[in-house]
Amino acid sequence: MNRLILLLPALALPACIYMPRTTERYDASCQVVERHMTLEATQVASFGACRNEGCLALLAASGAVAAASAVVSGSIVVAGNVVYWFEKQGQCARV
């Protein structure tokens, strides 16, 4: 019962997932458009009315989904940035 009371403030937290986001900018020194990936948190739902063990299960599931999306999306971001770095090095024509 005490554990549930301690978790009540967390029920107002939104459920988030992490998604990769690509940004572009022009690099004048190389005369190329360079791309860069970052992780972005996206809210997918918020917890409203839930009761007893259902809330605990919902919190555990949303935490697992957020952690899994951070790992998968983080791997995509790292791999994407490596590819973008090699792409920039191959296209860079310094003047």
Protein backbone atom coordinates (compact mmCIF):
# COMPACT_ATOMS: atom_id res chain seq x y z
CA MET A 1 0.00 0.00 0.00
CA ASN A 2 2.83 2.41 0.85
CA ARG A 3 4.50 1.64 -2.46
CA LEU A 4 1.33 2.59 -4.32
CA ILE A 5 1.11 5.88 -2.42
CA LEU A 6 4.70 6.69 -3.38
CA LEU A 7 3.94 5.96 -7.04
CA LEU A 8 0.86 8.20 -7.23
CA PRO A 9 2.80 11.33 -8.29
CA ALA A 10 4.34 9.34 -11.12
CA LEU A 11 0.90 8.65 -12.56
CA ALA A 12 0.74 12.18 -13.87
CA LEU A 13 3.88 11.62 -15.92
CA PRO A 14 3.44 11.29 -19.67
CA ALA A 15 4.36 8.11 -21.51
CA CYS A 16 7.25 8.96 -23.82
CA ILE A 17 9.17 7.20 -26.53
CA TYR A 18 12.42 8.27 -28.12
CA MET A 19 12.65 8.77 -31.86
CA PRO A 20 15.57 9.71 -34.11
CA ARG A 21 15.38 13.14 -35.75
CA THR A 22 17.51 14.27 -38.68
CA THR A 23 18.55 17.90 -39.09
CA GLU A 24 20.36 19.45 -42.04
CA ARG A 25 22.57 22.50 -42.37
CA TYR A 26 24.78 23.89 -45.08
CA ASP A 27 28.52 23.77 -44.43
CA ALA A 28 30.02 26.61 -46.47
CA SER A 29 33.62 25.48 -45.95
CA CYS A 30 32.90 22.10 -47.58
CA GLN A 31 30.11 23.32 -49.85
CA VAL A 32 27.90 20.44 -48.79
CA VAL A 33 24.66 19.96 -46.87
CA GLU A 34 25.53 17.96 -43.77
CA ARG A 35 23.03 15.89 -41.84
CA HIS A 36 23.02 15.07 -38.15
CA MET A 37 20.74 12.79 -36.11
CA THR A 38 19.58 13.39 -32.54
CA LEU A 39 17.22 11.64 -30.13
CA GLU A 40 13.92 13.35 -29.49
CA ALA A 41 11.43 12.42 -26.76
CA THR A 42 7.86 12.22 -28.02
CA GLN A 43 4.81 12.04 -25.78
CA VAL A 44 2.38 9.33 -26.82
CA ALA A 45 -0.07 9.28 -23.91
CA SER A 46 -0.64 10.41 -20.37
CA PHE A 47 -2.02 8.42 -17.49
CA GLY A 48 -5.36 9.52 -16.20
CA ALA A 49 -7.76 7.27 -14.34
CA CYS A 50 -6.33 3.92 -13.36
CA ARG A 51 -6.76 1.88 -10.22
CA ASN A 52 -4.63 -0.32 -7.96
CA GLU A 53 -2.36 -2.87 -9.62
CA GLY A 54 -3.44 -1.66 -13.08
CA CYS A 55 -1.53 1.57 -12.50
CA LEU A 56 1.57 -0.26 -11.41
CA ALA A 57 1.45 -2.50 -14.49
CA LEU A 58 0.88 0.52 -16.72
CA LEU A 59 3.87 2.34 -15.23
CA ALA A 60 6.09 -0.71 -15.59
CA ALA A 61 5.04 -1.24 -19.21
CA SER A 62 5.56 2.40 -20.15
CA GLY A 63 8.99 2.38 -18.51
CA ALA A 64 9.96 -0.74 -20.44
CA VAL A 65 8.73 0.75 -23.72
CA ALA A 66 10.60 4.02 -23.09
CA ALA A 67 13.82 2.16 -22.28
CA ALA A 68 13.51 -0.10 -25.32
CA SER A 69 12.80 2.84 -27.64
CA ALA A 70 15.82 4.70 -26.23
CA VAL A 71 18.10 1.72 -26.91
CA VAL A 72 16.81 1.03 -30.43
CA SER A 73 16.58 4.69 -31.46
CA GLY A 74 19.95 5.45 -29.86
CA SER A 75 21.56 2.72 -31.94
CA ILE A 76 19.95 4.14 -35.08
CA VAL A 77 21.24 7.63 -34.22
CA VAL A 78 24.81 6.42 -33.65
CA ALA A 79 24.85 4.40 -36.88
CA GLY A 80 23.21 7.24 -38.82
CA ASN A 81 25.70 9.82 -37.59
CA VAL A 82 28.63 7.57 -38.56
CA VAL A 83 27.18 7.17 -42.07
CA TYR A 84 26.52 10.93 -42.35
CA TRP A 85 30.09 11.66 -41.20
CA PHE A 86 31.55 9.37 -43.89
CA GLU A 87 29.21 10.89 -46.45
CA LYS A 88 30.39 14.40 -45.57
CA GLN A 89 34.06 13.37 -45.71
CA GLY A 90 33.54 11.88 -49.19
CA GLN A 91 31.72 14.93 -50.57
CA CYS A 92 33.70 17.69 -48.90
CA ALA A 93 35.42 19.95 -51.41
CA ARG A 94 37.38 22.40 -49.28
CA VAL A 95 38.10 25.69 -50.99
